[in-house]
Amino acid sequence: YSSGTNNVFALANLAMLTGQVGRYG
């Protein structure tokens, strides 16, 4: 999409916000 990078930013925001990163699984 012409907003593709922003879409991925949104997913990264969500993962960091909830702590679902930096751990197994």
mmCIF file of all heavy atoms, coordinates in Angstrom:
data_MODEL
# 
_entry.id   MODEL 
# 
loop_
_atom_site.group_PDB 
_atom_site.id 
_atom_site.type_symbol 
_atom_site.label_atom_id 
_atom_site.label_alt_id 
_atom_site.label_comp_id 
_atom_site.label_asym_id 
_atom_site.label_entity_id 
_atom_site.label_seq_id 
_atom_site.pdbx_PDB_ins_code 
_atom_site.Cartn_x 
_atom_site.Cartn_y 
_atom_site.Cartn_z 
_atom_site.occupancy 
_atom_site.B_iso_or_equiv 
_atom_site.pdbx_formal_charge 
_atom_site.auth_seq_id 
_atom_site.auth_comp_id 
_atom_site.auth_asym_id 
_atom_site.auth_atom_id 
_atom_site.pdbx_PDB_model_num 
ATOM 1   N N   . TYR A 1 1  ? 0.855  -1.186  0.000  1.00 0.00 ? 1  TYR A N   1 
ATOM 2   C CA  . TYR A 1 1  ? 0.000  0.000   0.000  1.00 0.00 ? 1  TYR A CA  1 
ATOM 3   C C   . TYR A 1 1  ? 0.890  1.234   0.000  1.00 0.00 ? 1  TYR A C   1 
ATOM 4   O O   . TYR A 1 1  ? 2.052  1.170   0.411  1.00 0.00 ? 1  TYR A O   1 
ATOM 5   C CB  . TYR A 1 1  ? -0.884 0.043   1.249  1.00 0.00 ? 1  TYR A CB  1 
ATOM 6   C CG  . TYR A 1 1  ? -2.088 -0.851  1.212  1.00 0.00 ? 1  TYR A CG  1 
ATOM 7   C CD1 . TYR A 1 1  ? -2.059 -2.119  1.766  1.00 0.00 ? 1  TYR A CD1 1 
ATOM 8   C CD2 . TYR A 1 1  ? -3.279 -0.423  0.623  1.00 0.00 ? 1  TYR A CD2 1 
ATOM 9   C CE1 . TYR A 1 1  ? -3.172 -2.938  1.741  1.00 0.00 ? 1  TYR A CE1 1 
ATOM 10  C CE2 . TYR A 1 1  ? -4.400 -1.240  0.587  1.00 0.00 ? 1  TYR A CE2 1 
ATOM 11  C CZ  . TYR A 1 1  ? -4.340 -2.494  1.147  1.00 0.00 ? 1  TYR A CZ  1 
ATOM 12  O OH  . TYR A 1 1  ? -5.436 -3.300  1.106  1.00 0.00 ? 1  TYR A OH  1 
ATOM 13  N N   . SER A 1 2  ? 0.352  2.358   -0.393 1.00 0.00 ? 2  SER A N   1 
ATOM 14  C CA  . SER A 1 2  ? 1.118  3.601   -0.296 1.00 0.00 ? 2  SER A CA  1 
ATOM 15  C C   . SER A 1 2  ? 1.332  3.992   1.161  1.00 0.00 ? 2  SER A C   1 
ATOM 16  O O   . SER A 1 2  ? 2.128  4.878   1.455  1.00 0.00 ? 2  SER A O   1 
ATOM 17  C CB  . SER A 1 2  ? 0.416  4.725   -1.074 1.00 0.00 ? 2  SER A CB  1 
ATOM 18  O OG  . SER A 1 2  ? -0.927 4.854   -0.667 1.00 0.00 ? 2  SER A OG  1 
ATOM 19  N N   . SER A 1 3  ? 0.651  3.305   2.081  1.00 0.00 ? 3  SER A N   1 
ATOM 20  C CA  . SER A 1 3  ? 0.861  3.503   3.521  1.00 0.00 ? 3  SER A CA  1 
ATOM 21  C C   . SER A 1 3  ? 1.526  2.281   4.152  1.00 0.00 ? 3  SER A C   1 
ATOM 22  O O   . SER A 1 3  ? 1.426  2.067   5.366  1.00 0.00 ? 3  SER A O   1 
ATOM 23  C CB  . SER A 1 3  ? -0.476 3.770   4.218  1.00 0.00 ? 3  SER A CB  1 
ATOM 24  O OG  . SER A 1 3  ? -1.357 2.659   4.024  1.00 0.00 ? 3  SER A OG  1 
ATOM 25  N N   . GLY A 1 4  ? 2.212  1.464   3.341  1.00 0.00 ? 4  GLY A N   1 
ATOM 26  C CA  . GLY A 1 4  ? 2.747  0.192   3.823  1.00 0.00 ? 4  GLY A CA  1 
ATOM 27  C C   . GLY A 1 4  ? 3.695  0.324   4.999  1.00 0.00 ? 4  GLY A C   1 
ATOM 28  O O   . GLY A 1 4  ? 3.618  -0.439  5.970  1.00 0.00 ? 4  GLY A O   1 
ATOM 29  N N   . THR A 1 5  ? 4.625  1.294   4.943  1.00 0.00 ? 5  THR A N   1 
ATOM 30  C CA  . THR A 1 5  ? 5.570  1.471   6.049  1.00 0.00 ? 5  THR A CA  1 
ATOM 31  C C   . THR A 1 5  ? 4.833  1.858   7.326  1.00 0.00 ? 5  THR A C   1 
ATOM 32  O O   . THR A 1 5  ? 5.127  1.349   8.414  1.00 0.00 ? 5  THR A O   1 
ATOM 33  C CB  . THR A 1 5  ? 6.622  2.546   5.687  1.00 0.00 ? 5  THR A CB  1 
ATOM 34  O OG1 . THR A 1 5  ? 7.314  2.125   4.513  1.00 0.00 ? 5  THR A OG1 1 
ATOM 35  C CG2 . THR A 1 5  ? 7.624  2.722   6.814  1.00 0.00 ? 5  THR A CG2 1 
ATOM 36  N N   . ASN A 1 6  ? 3.846  2.752   7.213  1.00 0.00 ? 6  ASN A N   1 
ATOM 37  C CA  . ASN A 1 6  ? 3.065  3.132   8.388  1.00 0.00 ? 6  ASN A CA  1 
ATOM 38  C C   . ASN A 1 6  ? 2.309  1.942   8.976  1.00 0.00 ? 6  ASN A C   1 
ATOM 39  O O   . ASN A 1 6  ? 2.142  1.836   10.197 1.00 0.00 ? 6  ASN A O   1 
ATOM 40  C CB  . ASN A 1 6  ? 2.077  4.243   8.035  1.00 0.00 ? 6  ASN A CB  1 
ATOM 41  C CG  . ASN A 1 6  ? 2.724  5.618   8.039  1.00 0.00 ? 6  ASN A CG  1 
ATOM 42  O OD1 . ASN A 1 6  ? 3.857  5.770   8.499  1.00 0.00 ? 6  ASN A OD1 1 
ATOM 43  N ND2 . ASN A 1 6  ? 2.022  6.607   7.528  1.00 0.00 ? 6  ASN A ND2 1 
ATOM 44  N N   . ASN A 1 7  ? 1.850  1.042   8.111  1.00 0.00 ? 7  ASN A N   1 
ATOM 45  C CA  . ASN A 1 7  ? 1.168  -0.158  8.605  1.00 0.00 ? 7  ASN A CA  1 
ATOM 46  C C   . ASN A 1 7  ? 2.095  -1.001  9.479  1.00 0.00 ? 7  ASN A C   1 
ATOM 47  O O   . ASN A 1 7  ? 1.700  -1.522  10.521 1.00 0.00 ? 7  ASN A O   1 
ATOM 48  C CB  . ASN A 1 7  ? 0.652  -0.988  7.430  1.00 0.00 ? 7  ASN A CB  1 
ATOM 49  C CG  . ASN A 1 7  ? -0.446 -0.288  6.658  1.00 0.00 ? 7  ASN A CG  1 
ATOM 50  O OD1 . ASN A 1 7  ? -1.066 0.646   7.152  1.00 0.00 ? 7  ASN A OD1 1 
ATOM 51  N ND2 . ASN A 1 7  ? -0.697 -0.741  5.437  1.00 0.00 ? 7  ASN A ND2 1 
ATOM 52  N N   . VAL A 1 8  ? 3.352  -1.133  9.029  1.00 0.00 ? 8  VAL A N   1 
ATOM 53  C CA  . VAL A 1 8  ? 4.332  -1.903  9.810  1.00 0.00 ? 8  VAL A CA  1 
ATOM 54  C C   . VAL A 1 8  ? 4.709  -1.148  11.085 1.00 0.00 ? 8  VAL A C   1 
ATOM 55  O O   . VAL A 1 8  ? 4.864  -1.756  12.156 1.00 0.00 ? 8  VAL A O   1 
ATOM 56  C CB  . VAL A 1 8  ? 5.574  -2.222  8.966  1.00 0.00 ? 8  VAL A CB  1 
ATOM 57  C CG1 . VAL A 1 8  ? 6.619  -2.967  9.794  1.00 0.00 ? 8  VAL A CG1 1 
ATOM 58  C CG2 . VAL A 1 8  ? 5.186  -3.062  7.746  1.00 0.00 ? 8  VAL A CG2 1 
ATOM 59  N N   . PHE A 1 9  ? 4.839  0.189   10.997 1.00 0.00 ? 9  PHE A N   1 
ATOM 60  C CA  . PHE A 1 9  ? 5.076  0.987   12.212 1.00 0.00 ? 9  PHE A CA  1 
ATOM 61  C C   . PHE A 1 9  ? 3.991  0.711   13.248 1.00 0.00 ? 9  PHE A C   1 
ATOM 62  O O   . PHE A 1 9  ? 4.262  0.569   14.442 1.00 0.00 ? 9  PHE A O   1 
ATOM 63  C CB  . PHE A 1 9  ? 5.067  2.484   11.871 1.00 0.00 ? 9  PHE A CB  1 
ATOM 64  C CG  . PHE A 1 9  ? 6.339  3.006   11.273 1.00 0.00 ? 9  PHE A CG  1 
ATOM 65  C CD1 . PHE A 1 9  ? 6.332  4.185   10.534 1.00 0.00 ? 9  PHE A CD1 1 
ATOM 66  C CD2 . PHE A 1 9  ? 7.551  2.351   11.455 1.00 0.00 ? 9  PHE A CD2 1 
ATOM 67  C CE1 . PHE A 1 9  ? 7.500  4.690   9.981  1.00 0.00 ? 9  PHE A CE1 1 
ATOM 68  C CE2 . PHE A 1 9  ? 8.728  2.842   10.900 1.00 0.00 ? 9  PHE A CE2 1 
ATOM 69  C CZ  . PHE A 1 9  ? 8.700  4.011   10.166 1.00 0.00 ? 9  PHE A CZ  1 
ATOM 70  N N   . ALA A 1 10 ? 2.729  0.637   12.789 1.00 0.00 ? 10 ALA A N   1 
ATOM 71  C CA  . ALA A 1 10 ? 1.611  0.420   13.705 1.00 0.00 ? 10 ALA A CA  1 
ATOM 72  C C   . ALA A 1 10 ? 1.743  -0.933  14.420 1.00 0.00 ? 10 ALA A C   1 
ATOM 73  O O   . ALA A 1 10 ? 1.474  -1.044  15.618 1.00 0.00 ? 10 ALA A O   1 
ATOM 74  C CB  . ALA A 1 10 ? 0.284  0.502   12.950 1.00 0.00 ? 10 ALA A CB  1 
ATOM 75  N N   . LEU A 1 11 ? 2.164  -1.958  13.683 1.00 0.00 ? 11 LEU A N   1 
ATOM 76  C CA  . LEU A 1 11 ? 2.360  -3.272  14.305 1.00 0.00 ? 11 LEU A CA  1 
ATOM 77  C C   . LEU A 1 11 ? 3.499  -3.248  15.313 1.00 0.00 ? 11 LEU A C   1 
ATOM 78  O O   . LEU A 1 11 ? 3.404  -3.825  16.398 1.00 0.00 ? 11 LEU A O   1 
ATOM 79  C CB  . LEU A 1 11 ? 2.643  -4.323  13.227 1.00 0.00 ? 11 LEU A CB  1 
ATOM 80  C CG  . LEU A 1 11 ? 1.538  -4.581  12.199 1.00 0.00 ? 11 LEU A CG  1 
ATOM 81  C CD1 . LEU A 1 11 ? 1.943  -5.711  11.270 1.00 0.00 ? 11 LEU A CD1 1 
ATOM 82  C CD2 . LEU A 1 11 ? 0.214  -4.916  12.881 1.00 0.00 ? 11 LEU A CD2 1 
ATOM 83  N N   . ALA A 1 12 ? 4.601  -2.571  14.948 1.00 0.00 ? 12 ALA A N   1 
ATOM 84  C CA  . ALA A 1 12 ? 5.731  -2.457  15.867 1.00 0.00 ? 12 ALA A CA  1 
ATOM 85  C C   . ALA A 1 12 ? 5.327  -1.695  17.129 1.00 0.00 ? 12 ALA A C   1 
ATOM 86  O O   . ALA A 1 12 ? 5.706  -2.065  18.254 1.00 0.00 ? 12 ALA A O   1 
ATOM 87  C CB  . ALA A 1 12 ? 6.904  -1.760  15.179 1.00 0.00 ? 12 ALA A CB  1 
ATOM 88  N N   . ASN A 1 13 ? 4.547  -0.615  16.962 1.00 0.00 ? 13 ASN A N   1 
ATOM 89  C CA  . ASN A 1 13 ? 4.031  0.126   18.116 1.00 0.00 ? 13 ASN A CA  1 
ATOM 90  C C   . ASN A 1 13 ? 3.259  -0.791  19.050 1.00 0.00 ? 13 ASN A C   1 
ATOM 91  O O   . ASN A 1 13 ? 3.429  -0.768  20.278 1.00 0.00 ? 13 ASN A O   1 
ATOM 92  C CB  . ASN A 1 13 ? 3.101  1.256   17.655 1.00 0.00 ? 13 ASN A CB  1 
ATOM 93  C CG  . ASN A 1 13 ? 3.819  2.399   16.977 1.00 0.00 ? 13 ASN A CG  1 
ATOM 94  O OD1 . ASN A 1 13 ? 5.032  2.544   17.086 1.00 0.00 ? 13 ASN A OD1 1 
ATOM 95  N ND2 . ASN A 1 13 ? 3.063  3.232   16.263 1.00 0.00 ? 13 ASN A ND2 1 
ATOM 96  N N   . LEU A 1 14 ? 2.387  -1.596  18.464 1.00 0.00 ? 14 LEU A N   1 
ATOM 97  C CA  . LEU A 1 14 ? 1.531  -2.481  19.257 1.00 0.00 ? 14 LEU A CA  1 
ATOM 98  C C   . LEU A 1 14 ? 2.351  -3.514  20.020 1.00 0.00 ? 14 LEU A C   1 
ATOM 99  O O   . LEU A 1 14 ? 2.102  -3.771  21.214 1.00 0.00 ? 14 LEU A O   1 
ATOM 100 C CB  . LEU A 1 14 ? 0.523  -3.173  18.334 1.00 0.00 ? 14 LEU A CB  1 
ATOM 101 C CG  . LEU A 1 14 ? -0.527 -4.069  18.986 1.00 0.00 ? 14 LEU A CG  1 
ATOM 102 C CD1 . LEU A 1 14 ? -1.404 -3.278  19.933 1.00 0.00 ? 14 LEU A CD1 1 
ATOM 103 C CD2 . LEU A 1 14 ? -1.386 -4.747  17.921 1.00 0.00 ? 14 LEU A CD2 1 
ATOM 104 N N   . ALA A 1 15 ? 3.345  -4.103  19.337 1.00 0.00 ? 15 ALA A N   1 
ATOM 105 C CA  . ALA A 1 15 ? 4.184  -5.118  19.988 1.00 0.00 ? 15 ALA A CA  1 
ATOM 106 C C   . ALA A 1 15 ? 4.979  -4.515  21.149 1.00 0.00 ? 15 ALA A C   1 
ATOM 107 O O   . ALA A 1 15 ? 5.084  -5.113  22.229 1.00 0.00 ? 15 ALA A O   1 
ATOM 108 C CB  . ALA A 1 15 ? 5.127  -5.754  18.964 1.00 0.00 ? 15 ALA A CB  1 
ATOM 109 N N   . MET A 1 16 ? 5.548  -3.320  20.950 1.00 0.00 ? 16 MET A N   1 
ATOM 110 C CA  . MET A 1 16 ? 6.321  -2.681  22.019 1.00 0.00 ? 16 MET A CA  1 
ATOM 111 C C   . MET A 1 16 ? 5.414  -2.247  23.168 1.00 0.00 ? 16 MET A C   1 
ATOM 112 O O   . MET A 1 16 ? 5.747  -2.410  24.339 1.00 0.00 ? 16 MET A O   1 
ATOM 113 C CB  . MET A 1 16 ? 7.085  -1.472  21.465 1.00 0.00 ? 16 MET A CB  1 
ATOM 114 C CG  . MET A 1 16 ? 8.262  -1.840  20.586 1.00 0.00 ? 16 MET A CG  1 
ATOM 115 S SD  . MET A 1 16 ? 9.323  -0.438  20.207 1.00 0.00 ? 16 MET A SD  1 
ATOM 116 C CE  . MET A 1 16 ? 8.233  0.579   19.216 1.00 0.00 ? 16 MET A CE  1 
ATOM 117 N N   . LEU A 1 17 ? 4.258  -1.693  22.825 1.00 0.00 ? 17 LEU A N   1 
ATOM 118 C CA  . LEU A 1 17 ? 3.318  -1.202  23.832 1.00 0.00 ? 17 LEU A CA  1 
ATOM 119 C C   . LEU A 1 17 ? 2.875  -2.304  24.784 1.00 0.00 ? 17 LEU A C   1 
ATOM 120 O O   . LEU A 1 17 ? 2.718  -2.091  25.983 1.00 0.00 ? 17 LEU A O   1 
ATOM 121 C CB  . LEU A 1 17 ? 2.099  -0.591  23.126 1.00 0.00 ? 17 LEU A CB  1 
ATOM 122 C CG  . LEU A 1 17 ? 1.019  0.033   23.995 1.00 0.00 ? 17 LEU A CG  1 
ATOM 123 C CD1 . LEU A 1 17 ? 1.528  1.320   24.630 1.00 0.00 ? 17 LEU A CD1 1 
ATOM 124 C CD2 . LEU A 1 17 ? -0.220 0.322   23.161 1.00 0.00 ? 17 LEU A CD2 1 
ATOM 125 N N   . THR A 1 18 ? 2.724  -3.513  24.253 1.00 0.00 ? 18 THR A N   1 
ATOM 126 C CA  . THR A 1 18 ? 2.206  -4.637  25.048 1.00 0.00 ? 18 THR A CA  1 
ATOM 127 C C   . THR A 1 18 ? 3.306  -5.557  25.566 1.00 0.00 ? 18 THR A C   1 
ATOM 128 O O   . THR A 1 18 ? 3.015  -6.543  26.250 1.00 0.00 ? 18 THR A O   1 
ATOM 129 C CB  . THR A 1 18 ? 1.229  -5.473  24.197 1.00 0.00 ? 18 THR A CB  1 
ATOM 130 O OG1 . THR A 1 18 ? 1.908  -5.896  23.010 1.00 0.00 ? 18 THR A OG1 1 
ATOM 131 C CG2 . THR A 1 18 ? -0.001 -4.664  23.818 1.00 0.00 ? 18 THR A CG2 1 
ATOM 132 N N   . GLY A 1 19 ? 4.573  -5.266  25.218 1.00 0.00 ? 19 GLY A N   1 
ATOM 133 C CA  . GLY A 1 19 ? 5.673  -6.118  25.673 1.00 0.00 ? 19 GLY A CA  1 
ATOM 134 C C   . GLY A 1 19 ? 5.764  -7.444  24.945 1.00 0.00 ? 19 GLY A C   1 
ATOM 135 O O   . GLY A 1 19 ? 6.417  -8.376  25.417 1.00 0.00 ? 19 GLY A O   1 
ATOM 136 N N   . GLN A 1 20 ? 5.131  -7.537  23.789 1.00 0.00 ? 20 GLN A N   1 
ATOM 137 C CA  . GLN A 1 20 ? 5.174  -8.794  23.020 1.00 0.00 ? 20 GLN A CA  1 
ATOM 138 C C   . GLN A 1 20 ? 6.358  -8.780  22.057 1.00 0.00 ? 20 GLN A C   1 
ATOM 139 O O   . GLN A 1 20 ? 6.233  -8.971  20.852 1.00 0.00 ? 20 GLN A O   1 
ATOM 140 C CB  . GLN A 1 20 ? 3.851  -8.994  22.265 1.00 0.00 ? 20 GLN A CB  1 
ATOM 141 C CG  . GLN A 1 20 ? 2.629  -9.123  23.143 1.00 0.00 ? 20 GLN A CG  1 
ATOM 142 C CD  . GLN A 1 20 ? 2.582  -10.451 23.892 1.00 0.00 ? 20 GLN A CD  1 
ATOM 143 O OE1 . GLN A 1 20 ? 3.558  -11.211 23.948 1.00 0.00 ? 20 GLN A OE1 1 
ATOM 144 N NE2 . GLN A 1 20 ? 1.448  -10.751 24.501 1.00 0.00 ? 20 GLN A NE2 1 
ATOM 145 N N   . VAL A 1 21 ? 7.548  -8.562  22.591 1.00 0.00 ? 21 VAL A N   1 
ATOM 146 C CA  . VAL A 1 21 ? 8.765  -8.515  21.788 1.00 0.00 ? 21 VAL A CA  1 
ATOM 147 C C   . VAL A 1 21 ? 9.937  -8.792  22.721 1.00 0.00 ? 21 VAL A C   1 
ATOM 148 O O   . VAL A 1 21 ? 9.865  -8.556  23.931 1.00 0.00 ? 21 VAL A O   1 
ATOM 149 C CB  . VAL A 1 21 ? 8.907  -7.129  21.101 1.00 0.00 ? 21 VAL A CB  1 
ATOM 150 C CG1 . VAL A 1 21 ? 9.132  -6.021  22.115 1.00 0.00 ? 21 VAL A CG1 1 
ATOM 151 C CG2 . VAL A 1 21 ? 9.998  -7.121  20.051 1.00 0.00 ? 21 VAL A CG2 1 
ATOM 152 N N   . GLY A 1 22 ? 11.018 -9.375  22.184 1.00 0.00 ? 22 GLY A N   1 
ATOM 153 C CA  . GLY A 1 22 ? 12.206 -9.618  22.997 1.00 0.00 ? 22 GLY A CA  1 
ATOM 154 C C   . GLY A 1 22 ? 12.124 -10.844 23.879 1.00 0.00 ? 22 GLY A C   1 
ATOM 155 O O   . GLY A 1 22 ? 12.959 -11.041 24.757 1.00 0.00 ? 22 GLY A O   1 
ATOM 156 N N   . ARG A 1 23 ? 11.125 -11.690 23.630 1.00 0.00 ? 23 ARG A N   1 
ATOM 157 C CA  . ARG A 1 23 ? 10.991 -12.947 24.370 1.00 0.00 ? 23 ARG A CA  1 
ATOM 158 C C   . ARG A 1 23 ? 10.679 -14.067 23.390 1.00 0.00 ? 23 ARG A C   1 
ATOM 159 O O   . ARG A 1 23 ? 10.144 -13.824 22.313 1.00 0.00 ? 23 ARG A O   1 
ATOM 160 C CB  . ARG A 1 23 ? 9.865  -12.858 25.420 1.00 0.00 ? 23 ARG A CB  1 
ATOM 161 C CG  . ARG A 1 23 ? 10.105 -11.829 26.513 1.00 0.00 ? 23 ARG A CG  1 
ATOM 162 C CD  . ARG A 1 23 ? 8.952  -11.773 27.513 1.00 0.00 ? 23 ARG A CD  1 
ATOM 163 N NE  . ARG A 1 23 ? 7.746  -11.198 26.928 1.00 0.00 ? 23 ARG A NE  1 
ATOM 164 C CZ  . ARG A 1 23 ? 6.600  -11.855 26.751 1.00 0.00 ? 23 ARG A CZ  1 
ATOM 165 N NH1 . ARG A 1 23 ? 6.507  -13.133 27.090 1.00 0.00 ? 23 ARG A NH1 1 
ATOM 166 N NH2 . ARG A 1 23 ? 5.549  -11.261 26.229 1.00 0.00 ? 23 ARG A NH2 1 
ATOM 167 N N   . TYR A 1 24 ? 10.983 -15.307 23.779 1.00 0.00 ? 24 TYR A N   1 
ATOM 168 C CA  . TYR A 1 24 ? 10.683 -16.450 22.921 1.00 0.00 ? 24 TYR A CA  1 
ATOM 169 C C   . TYR A 1 24 ? 9.177  -16.506 22.655 1.00 0.00 ? 24 TYR A C   1 
ATOM 170 O O   . TYR A 1 24 ? 8.360  -16.379 23.563 1.00 0.00 ? 24 TYR A O   1 
ATOM 171 C CB  . TYR A 1 24 ? 11.138 -17.748 23.586 1.00 0.00 ? 24 TYR A CB  1 
ATOM 172 C CG  . TYR A 1 24 ? 10.853 -18.979 22.755 1.00 0.00 ? 24 TYR A CG  1 
ATOM 173 C CD1 . TYR A 1 24 ? 11.645 -19.304 21.660 1.00 0.00 ? 24 TYR A CD1 1 
ATOM 174 C CD2 . TYR A 1 24 ? 9.767  -19.800 23.051 1.00 0.00 ? 24 TYR A CD2 1 
ATOM 175 C CE1 . TYR A 1 24 ? 11.373 -20.422 20.885 1.00 0.00 ? 24 TYR A CE1 1 
ATOM 176 C CE2 . TYR A 1 24 ? 9.484  -20.915 22.286 1.00 0.00 ? 24 TYR A CE2 1 
ATOM 177 C CZ  . TYR A 1 24 ? 10.293 -21.220 21.203 1.00 0.00 ? 24 TYR A CZ  1 
ATOM 178 O OH  . TYR A 1 24 ? 10.020 -22.314 20.433 1.00 0.00 ? 24 TYR A OH  1 
ATOM 179 N N   . GLY A 1 25 ? 8.812  -16.695 21.384 1.00 0.00 ? 25 GLY A N   1 
ATOM 180 C CA  . GLY A 1 25 ? 7.400  -16.817 21.023 1.00 0.00 ? 25 GLY A CA  1 
ATOM 181 C C   . GLY A 1 25 ? 6.698  -15.492 20.809 1.00 0.00 ? 25 GLY A C   1 
ATOM 182 O O   . GLY A 1 25 ? 5.484  -15.452 20.631 1.00 0.00 ? 25 GLY A O   1 
# 
